[in-house]
Amino acid sequence: MHAFETIDSNTAGACDFNLDRDLDFLWLELTNRCNLQCIHCYTESHPTRDDRDVLTKQDYESIMLRAYELGCRKIQFIGGEPQLSRHFKSLLRTARETGYEFIEVFSNLTFLDDETLEYSADNQVCFATSVYSDDPAVHNAVTKVGSSHVRTVGNLKKLIANGIVTRAGIIIIDQDDEEVERTKRFLEDLGVGSVRVSAVREFGRGGQILSRSARLSGLCGHWTLLERKARHPA
């Protein structure tokens, strides 16, 4: 999974931290494991990659509470695939019970059970995902799982039908402008609330695609610059 951006890229540079400013947004990586093996994945996730899953449920709960006490009201669960964490449903409920006003799950949406769907609809939980093309073959070539496109799109439709706020990112790998625009229209026609185009990050497997080492400027807060570079390479 390739998380796309929730940070305004016009904020301070990567090393200009203001410790006096309130904590605004909390990302929690619940697992490094993923049922897909996307060719650009910045965490190099795959089905058996759980060696970095070192935090306990109590650790996550403590982080969520401390962040809330510091003024944070927005949280996103990421991975890997966060729904693969055995603590996912419990932590989702903890986020709502703690008082977080914006809760989002960044998922590949290849699976979505009825309990999660119902809870999300009743508790204003949002979902975000990545869709690489309207063409299933192109999307599946990125994820390396042949059924991923039909399952992701099917679960997007379920979320939208249940009134759940959704957004999607299109990560540019080698798609041309026409395919990107076609994919945007495809997602908008489905009813996805927000569609953004972003670029491969030079982290994890993405570094192999870009043939360069990771840099701070490649972090998620710089999505506007990366988008321009993806669409108009030097």
Protein backbone atom coordinates (compact mmCIF):
# COMPACT_ATOMS: atom_id res chain seq x y z
CA MET A 1 0.00 0.00 0.00
CA HIS A 2 1.21 3.44 -0.89
CA ALA A 3 -0.23 6.07 1.45
CA PHE A 4 -1.05 9.31 -0.28
CA GLU A 5 -1.15 12.68 1.31
CA THR A 6 -3.11 14.39 4.03
CA ILE A 7 -0.52 17.10 4.71
CA ASP A 8 -0.51 20.49 3.03
CA SER A 9 2.71 20.60 1.04
CA ASN A 10 2.92 24.37 1.46
CA THR A 11 3.74 24.03 5.14
CA ALA A 12 7.28 24.30 6.49
CA GLY A 13 10.09 22.25 4.99
CA ALA A 14 10.95 18.74 6.02
CA CYS A 15 13.34 19.83 8.79
CA ASP A 16 11.48 22.92 10.06
CA PHE A 17 9.70 21.42 13.04
CA ASN A 18 7.76 23.67 15.40
CA LEU A 19 7.51 21.86 18.71
CA ASP A 20 5.17 24.52 20.07
CA ARG A 21 2.55 23.79 17.46
CA ASP A 22 -0.33 21.46 18.34
CA LEU A 23 -0.13 17.90 17.07
CA ASP A 24 -2.62 17.88 14.20
CA PHE A 25 -2.59 14.42 12.65
CA LEU A 26 -1.63 10.92 13.83
CA TRP A 27 -0.68 8.04 11.54
CA LEU A 28 -0.60 4.58 13.11
CA GLU A 29 1.00 1.72 11.18
CA LEU A 30 -0.79 -1.31 12.58
CA THR A 31 1.18 -3.91 10.65
CA ASN A 32 3.79 -4.20 7.96
CA ARG A 33 2.01 -7.25 6.57
CA CYS A 34 -0.06 -6.96 3.38
CA ASN A 35 -1.88 -9.46 1.19
CA LEU A 36 -0.63 -7.58 -1.89
CA GLN A 37 2.94 -7.07 -3.12
CA CYS A 38 2.75 -3.72 -4.92
CA ILE A 39 5.83 -3.08 -7.03
CA HIS A 40 6.33 0.44 -5.61
CA CYS A 41 5.47 -0.20 -1.94
CA TYR A 42 7.44 2.15 0.28
CA THR A 43 7.31 -0.27 3.23
CA GLU A 44 8.18 -3.34 1.10
CA SER A 45 5.13 -5.08 2.53
CA HIS A 46 4.05 -8.60 1.56
CA PRO A 47 1.95 -11.41 3.07
CA THR A 48 4.60 -12.67 5.49
CA ARG A 49 6.31 -9.37 6.34
CA ASP A 50 5.45 -8.92 10.01
CA ASP A 51 8.95 -8.74 11.50
CA ARG A 52 8.48 -5.04 12.25
CA ASP A 53 5.17 -5.50 14.08
CA VAL A 54 6.61 -4.75 17.51
CA LEU A 55 3.97 -2.55 19.16
CA THR A 56 1.31 -4.10 21.37
CA LYS A 57 -2.35 -3.14 21.50
CA GLN A 58 -1.61 -1.31 24.75
CA ASP A 59 1.20 0.62 23.04
CA TYR A 60 -1.17 1.82 20.33
CA GLU A 61 -3.83 2.77 22.87
CA SER A 62 -1.28 4.74 24.87
CA ILE A 63 -0.08 6.59 21.77
CA MET A 64 -3.64 7.44 20.76
CA LEU A 65 -4.44 8.77 24.21
CA ARG A 66 -1.24 10.83 24.48
CA ALA A 67 -1.77 12.30 21.02
CA TYR A 68 -5.33 13.21 21.92
CA GLU A 69 -4.14 14.90 25.11
CA LEU A 70 -1.74 16.94 22.98
CA GLY A 71 -4.64 18.23 20.91
CA CYS A 72 -4.69 15.76 18.04
CA ARG A 73 -8.17 15.09 16.64
CA LYS A 74 -7.35 13.35 13.34
CA ILE A 75 -6.07 9.83 12.95
CA GLN A 76 -5.34 7.46 10.07
CA PHE A 77 -4.69 3.73 10.34
CA ILE A 78 -2.14 2.51 7.81
CA GLY A 79 0.06 -0.48 7.04
CA GLY A 80 0.85 -2.73 5.26
CA GLU A 81 -2.82 -3.54 5.24
CA PRO A 82 -4.24 -2.31 8.58
CA GLN A 83 -7.21 -4.67 8.46
CA LEU A 84 -4.78 -7.59 8.80
CA SER A 85 -3.88 -6.48 12.31
CA ARG A 86 -5.65 -8.55 14.95
CA HIS A 87 -6.14 -5.30 16.87
CA PHE A 88 -7.69 -3.35 13.98
CA LYS A 89 -11.34 -3.42 15.04
CA SER A 90 -10.57 -2.78 18.68
CA LEU A 91 -8.31 0.20 17.88
CA LEU A 92 -10.89 1.59 15.48
CA ARG A 93 -13.40 1.63 18.32
CA THR A 94 -10.83 3.09 20.71
CA ALA A 95 -10.21 5.99 18.32
CA ARG A 96 -13.91 6.86 18.30
CA GLU A 97 -14.33 6.37 22.05
CA THR A 98 -11.27 8.54 22.76
CA GLY A 99 -12.91 11.37 20.86
CA TYR A 100 -11.05 11.59 17.54
CA GLU A 101 -13.15 13.69 15.18
CA PHE A 102 -11.64 12.40 11.93
CA ILE A 103 -10.88 8.71 11.60
CA GLU A 104 -9.65 7.20 8.35
CA VAL A 105 -8.49 3.75 7.32
CA PHE A 106 -6.00 3.55 4.47
CA SER A 107 -6.67 0.11 3.02
CA ASN A 108 -6.18 -1.74 -0.24
CA LEU A 109 -9.86 -2.72 0.18
CA THR A 110 -9.40 -6.20 -1.22
CA PHE A 111 -11.51 -7.30 1.73
CA LEU A 112 -14.07 -5.60 3.96
CA ASP A 113 -16.28 -7.52 6.33
CA ASP A 114 -19.83 -6.58 7.29
CA GLU A 115 -18.90 -5.69 10.87
CA THR A 116 -16.33 -3.13 9.75
CA LEU A 117 -18.69 -1.78 7.10
CA GLU A 118 -21.53 -1.34 9.58
CA TYR A 119 -19.36 0.20 12.29
CA SER A 120 -17.79 2.62 9.83
CA ALA A 121 -21.17 3.72 8.50
CA ASP A 122 -22.51 4.29 12.03
CA ASN A 123 -19.41 6.11 13.31
CA GLN A 124 -18.29 8.32 10.41
CA VAL A 125 -15.14 6.33 9.71
CA CYS A 126 -13.62 7.27 6.34
CA PHE A 127 -11.67 5.08 3.94
CA ALA A 128 -8.86 5.78 1.50
CA THR A 129 -7.28 3.49 -1.07
CA SER A 130 -5.10 3.38 -4.17
CA VAL A 131 -6.38 2.51 -7.63
CA TYR A 132 -3.74 2.39 -10.34
CA SER A 133 -5.95 2.14 -13.39
CA ASP A 134 -9.49 1.61 -14.58
CA ASP A 135 -8.03 -1.34 -16.50
CA PRO A 136 -7.97 -4.38 -14.18
CA ALA A 137 -4.92 -5.85 -15.92
CA VAL A 138 -2.84 -2.71 -15.31
CA HIS A 139 -3.93 -2.43 -11.67
CA ASN A 140 -3.30 -6.13 -11.00
CA ALA A 141 0.16 -5.93 -12.56
CA VAL A 142 1.06 -3.33 -9.90
CA THR A 143 -0.36 -5.31 -6.97
CA LYS A 144 0.78 -8.72 -8.26
CA VAL A 145 -2.60 -10.19 -7.30
CA GLY A 146 -4.93 -11.06 -10.15
CA SER A 147 -8.23 -10.42 -8.36
CA SER A 148 -7.25 -7.21 -6.58
CA HIS A 149 -8.92 -4.71 -8.93
CA VAL A 150 -12.35 -6.30 -8.90
CA ARG A 151 -12.27 -6.68 -5.11
CA THR A 152 -11.03 -3.14 -4.40
CA VAL A 153 -13.59 -1.59 -6.74
CA GLY A 154 -16.34 -3.80 -5.35
CA ASN A 155 -15.62 -2.72 -1.79
CA LEU A 156 -15.37 0.93 -2.82
CA LYS A 157 -18.90 0.55 -4.17
CA LYS A 158 -20.05 -0.97 -0.84
CA LEU A 159 -18.56 1.93 1.13
CA ILE A 160 -20.14 4.52 -1.13
CA ALA A 161 -23.53 2.76 -1.07
CA ASN A 162 -23.44 2.91 2.74
CA GLY A 163 -22.70 6.63 2.80
CA ILE A 164 -19.08 6.27 3.91
CA VAL A 165 -16.69 9.02 2.83
CA THR A 166 -14.04 7.68 0.46
CA ARG A 167 -11.01 8.99 -1.36
CA ALA A 168 -8.58 7.39 -3.75
CA GLY A 169 -5.07 7.99 -4.98
CA ILE A 170 -3.69 7.20 -8.41
CA ILE A 171 0.04 6.55 -8.15
CA ILE A 172 1.86 7.30 -11.39
CA ILE A 173 4.23 4.50 -12.31
CA ASP A 174 4.22 4.28 -16.09
CA GLN A 175 0.66 5.27 -16.99
CA ASP A 176 0.27 7.97 -19.64
CA ASP A 177 -1.82 11.12 -19.15
CA GLU A 178 -4.82 9.65 -20.96
CA GLU A 179 -4.95 6.60 -18.71
CA VAL A 180 -4.60 8.73 -15.57
CA GLU A 181 -7.47 10.99 -16.64
CA ARG A 182 -9.59 7.99 -17.60
CA THR A 183 -8.96 6.42 -14.18
CA LYS A 184 -9.90 9.68 -12.44
CA ARG A 185 -13.21 9.77 -14.33
CA PHE A 186 -13.80 6.10 -13.52
CA LEU A 187 -13.39 6.74 -9.79
CA GLU A 188 -15.44 9.92 -9.82
CA ASP A 189 -18.23 8.11 -11.65
CA LEU A 190 -18.19 5.48 -8.90
CA GLY A 191 -18.84 8.25 -6.41
CA VAL A 192 -15.39 8.46 -4.78
CA GLY A 193 -15.37 11.76 -2.91
CA SER A 194 -11.80 12.83 -3.65
CA VAL A 195 -9.31 11.59 -6.24
CA ARG A 196 -5.67 12.66 -6.21
CA VAL A 197 -2.73 11.86 -8.42
CA SER A 198 0.61 11.24 -6.77
CA ALA A 199 4.06 9.89 -7.54
CA VAL A 200 6.12 6.89 -6.54
CA ARG A 201 8.23 7.55 -3.45
CA GLU A 202 11.91 6.59 -3.47
CA PHE A 203 11.44 4.39 -0.43
CA GLY A 204 11.30 0.60 -0.25
CA ARG A 205 10.52 -0.98 -3.61
CA GLY A 206 9.80 2.47 -5.02
CA GLY A 207 13.51 3.23 -4.91
CA GLN A 208 14.13 0.42 -7.37
CA ILE A 209 11.61 1.87 -9.82
CA LEU A 210 13.10 5.35 -9.58
CA SER A 211 16.69 4.11 -9.39
CA ARG A 212 17.61 6.55 -6.66
CA SER A 213 18.17 6.55 -2.92
CA ALA A 214 15.61 7.85 -0.45
CA ARG A 215 15.63 11.55 0.40
CA LEU A 216 13.70 13.56 2.98
CA SER A 217 12.12 15.53 0.15
CA GLY A 218 10.40 12.31 -0.91
CA LEU A 219 8.28 12.12 2.23
CA CYS A 220 4.51 12.43 2.01
CA GLY A 221 4.34 16.11 2.96
CA HIS A 222 5.78 17.06 -0.41
CA TRP A 223 3.10 15.57 -2.64
CA THR A 224 2.49 18.65 -4.82
CA LEU A 225 6.13 18.86 -5.91
CA LEU A 226 6.28 15.13 -6.54
CA GLU A 227 3.08 15.23 -8.55
CA ARG A 228 4.51 17.94 -10.81
CA LYS A 229 7.70 15.94 -11.30
CA ALA A 230 5.73 12.79 -12.12
CA ARG A 231 3.68 14.55 -14.76
CA HIS A 232 6.49 16.72 -16.16
CA PRO A 233 9.83 14.92 -15.68
CA ALA A 234 13.02 16.84 -16.39
